[in-house]
């Protein structure tokens, strides 16, 4: 019975983690980065591309850019640069 209970618990944890990750593109230092940020950046790219399709390469670059921005923002907050004029 213990084996079945632990298996069910593990499945529950994994399914919850999968749902959270689906909403987030990454987790940076414990802070989730929502996939909506990537979607917004891709909308901007799409308007600049003049109707050309967004390729998987562009999607990967957008994801990396959003994650990099989050890292920079966290560092700025840590050093107090986000509060300066």
C-alpha atoms as a PDB file:
ATOM      1  CA  UNK A   1       0.000   0.000   0.000  1.00  0.00           C
ATOM      2  CA  UNK A   2       2.861   2.404   0.757  1.00  0.00           C
ATOM      3  CA  UNK A   3       4.265   1.937  -2.724  1.00  0.00           C
ATOM      4  CA  UNK A   4       0.948   2.827  -4.355  1.00  0.00           C
ATOM      5  CA  UNK A   5       0.480   5.882  -2.136  1.00  0.00           C
ATOM      6  CA  UNK A   6       3.974   7.185  -2.894  1.00  0.00           C
ATOM      7  CA  UNK A   7       3.463   6.571  -6.606  1.00  0.00           C
ATOM      8  CA  UNK A   8       0.227   8.549  -6.543  1.00  0.00           C
ATOM      9  CA  UNK A   9       1.904  11.360  -4.589  1.00  0.00           C
ATOM     10  CA  UNK A  10       4.767  11.498  -7.096  1.00  0.00           C
ATOM     11  CA  UNK A  11       2.346  11.610 -10.010  1.00  0.00           C
ATOM     12  CA  UNK A  12       0.441  14.446  -8.356  1.00  0.00           C
ATOM     13  CA  UNK A  13       3.616  16.470  -7.798  1.00  0.00           C
ATOM     14  CA  UNK A  14       4.807  15.929 -11.368  1.00  0.00           C
ATOM     15  CA  UNK A  15       1.458  16.888 -12.861  1.00  0.00           C
ATOM     16  CA  UNK A  16       1.358  20.075 -10.798  1.00  0.00           C
ATOM     17  CA  UNK A  17       4.931  20.969 -11.784  1.00  0.00           C
ATOM     18  CA  UNK A  18       4.086  20.410 -15.447  1.00  0.00           C
ATOM     19  CA  UNK A  19       1.126  22.768 -15.214  1.00  0.00           C
ATOM     20  CA  UNK A  20       3.206  25.470 -13.529  1.00  0.00           C
ATOM     21  CA  UNK A  21       5.966  25.132 -16.102  1.00  0.00           C
ATOM     22  CA  UNK A  22       3.450  25.370 -18.948  1.00  0.00           C
ATOM     23  CA  UNK A  23       2.492  28.830 -17.695  1.00  0.00           C
ATOM     24  CA  UNK A  24       6.113  29.862 -17.206  1.00  0.00           C
ATOM     25  CA  UNK A  25       8.933  29.886 -19.695  1.00  0.00           C
ATOM     26  CA  UNK A  26      11.501  29.541 -16.907  1.00  0.00           C
ATOM     27  CA  UNK A  27      12.137  30.032 -13.229  1.00  0.00           C
ATOM     28  CA  UNK A  28      15.009  32.407 -12.480  1.00  0.00           C
ATOM     29  CA  UNK A  29      16.324  32.326  -8.921  1.00  0.00           C
ATOM     30  CA  UNK A  30      12.991  30.989  -7.703  1.00  0.00           C
ATOM     31  CA  UNK A  31      10.945  33.627  -9.536  1.00  0.00           C
ATOM     32  CA  UNK A  32       8.721  32.387 -12.369  1.00  0.00           C
ATOM     33  CA  UNK A  33       8.989  34.084 -15.752  1.00  0.00           C
ATOM     34  CA  UNK A  34       5.550  33.906 -17.406  1.00  0.00           C
ATOM     35  CA  UNK A  35       5.300  32.710 -20.986  1.00  0.00           C
ATOM     36  CA  UNK A  36       3.070  35.716 -21.670  1.00  0.00           C
ATOM     37  CA  UNK A  37       6.243  37.848 -21.749  1.00  0.00           C
ATOM     38  CA  UNK A  38       7.593  35.745 -24.613  1.00  0.00           C
ATOM     39  CA  UNK A  39       4.229  35.956 -26.384  1.00  0.00           C
ATOM     40  CA  UNK A  40       4.262  39.747 -26.098  1.00  0.00           C
ATOM     41  CA  UNK A  41       7.805  39.965 -27.452  1.00  0.00           C
ATOM     42  CA  UNK A  42       6.863  37.661 -30.343  1.00  0.00           C
ATOM     43  CA  UNK A  43       3.954  39.976 -31.189  1.00  0.00           C
ATOM     44  CA  UNK A  44       6.425  42.849 -31.425  1.00  0.00           C
ATOM     45  CA  UNK A  45       8.764  40.758 -33.603  1.00  0.00           C
ATOM     46  CA  UNK A  46       5.874  39.708 -35.813  1.00  0.00           C
ATOM     47  CA  UNK A  47       4.860  43.306 -36.508  1.00  0.00           C
ATOM     48  CA  UNK A  48       8.462  44.159 -37.393  1.00  0.00           C
ATOM     49  CA  UNK A  49       8.776  41.158 -39.728  1.00  0.00           C
ATOM     50  CA  UNK A  50       6.105  42.505 -42.042  1.00  0.00           C
ATOM     51  CA  UNK A  51       3.894  39.434 -42.036  1.00  0.00           C
ATOM     52  CA  UNK A  52       6.639  36.846 -42.351  1.00  0.00           C
ATOM     53  CA  UNK A  53       6.150  33.839 -40.068  1.00  0.00           C
ATOM     54  CA  UNK A  54       7.893  33.625 -36.713  1.00  0.00           C
ATOM     55  CA  UNK A  55      10.390  30.782 -36.981  1.00  0.00           C
ATOM     56  CA  UNK A  56      11.426  28.427 -34.161  1.00  0.00           C
ATOM     57  CA  UNK A  57      14.785  30.246 -34.124  1.00  0.00           C
ATOM     58  CA  UNK A  58      13.053  33.561 -33.469  1.00  0.00           C
ATOM     59  CA  UNK A  59      10.961  31.912 -30.744  1.00  0.00           C
ATOM     60  CA  UNK A  60      14.130  30.604 -29.072  1.00  0.00           C
ATOM     61  CA  UNK A  61      15.743  34.050 -29.273  1.00  0.00           C
ATOM     62  CA  UNK A  62      12.651  35.644 -27.715  1.00  0.00           C
ATOM     63  CA  UNK A  63      12.725  33.126 -24.871  1.00  0.00           C
ATOM     64  CA  UNK A  64      16.425  33.809 -24.232  1.00  0.00           C
ATOM     65  CA  UNK A  65      15.830  37.579 -24.339  1.00  0.00           C
ATOM     66  CA  UNK A  66      13.016  37.409 -21.797  1.00  0.00           C
ATOM     67  CA  UNK A  67      15.077  35.236 -19.450  1.00  0.00           C
ATOM     68  CA  UNK A  68      18.067  37.578 -19.805  1.00  0.00           C
ATOM     69  CA  UNK A  69      15.887  40.575 -19.023  1.00  0.00           C
ATOM     70  CA  UNK A  70      14.635  38.860 -15.871  1.00  0.00           C
ATOM     71  CA  UNK A  71      18.201  38.152 -14.762  1.00  0.00           C
ATOM     72  CA  UNK A  72      19.192  41.783 -15.386  1.00  0.00           C
ATOM     73  CA  UNK A  73      16.127  43.071 -13.515  1.00  0.00           C
ATOM     74  CA  UNK A  74      16.858  40.854 -10.515  1.00  0.00           C
ATOM     75  CA  UNK A  75      20.446  42.075 -10.412  1.00  0.00           C
ATOM     76  CA  UNK A  76      19.318  45.694 -10.715  1.00  0.00           C
ATOM     77  CA  UNK A  77      16.927  45.214  -7.816  1.00  0.00           C
ATOM     78  CA  UNK A  78      19.596  43.470  -5.755  1.00  0.00           C
ATOM     79  CA  UNK A  79      22.056  46.334  -6.232  1.00  0.00           C
ATOM     80  CA  UNK A  80      19.428  49.063  -5.874  1.00  0.00           C
ATOM     81  CA  UNK A  81      19.700  50.324  -9.448  1.00  0.00           C
ATOM     82  CA  UNK A  82      15.986  49.930 -10.061  1.00  0.00           C
ATOM     83  CA  UNK A  83      15.239  52.694  -7.553  1.00  0.00           C
ATOM     84  CA  UNK A  84      17.483  55.412  -9.002  1.00  0.00           C
ATOM     85  CA  UNK A  85      16.430  58.244 -11.286  1.00  0.00           C
END
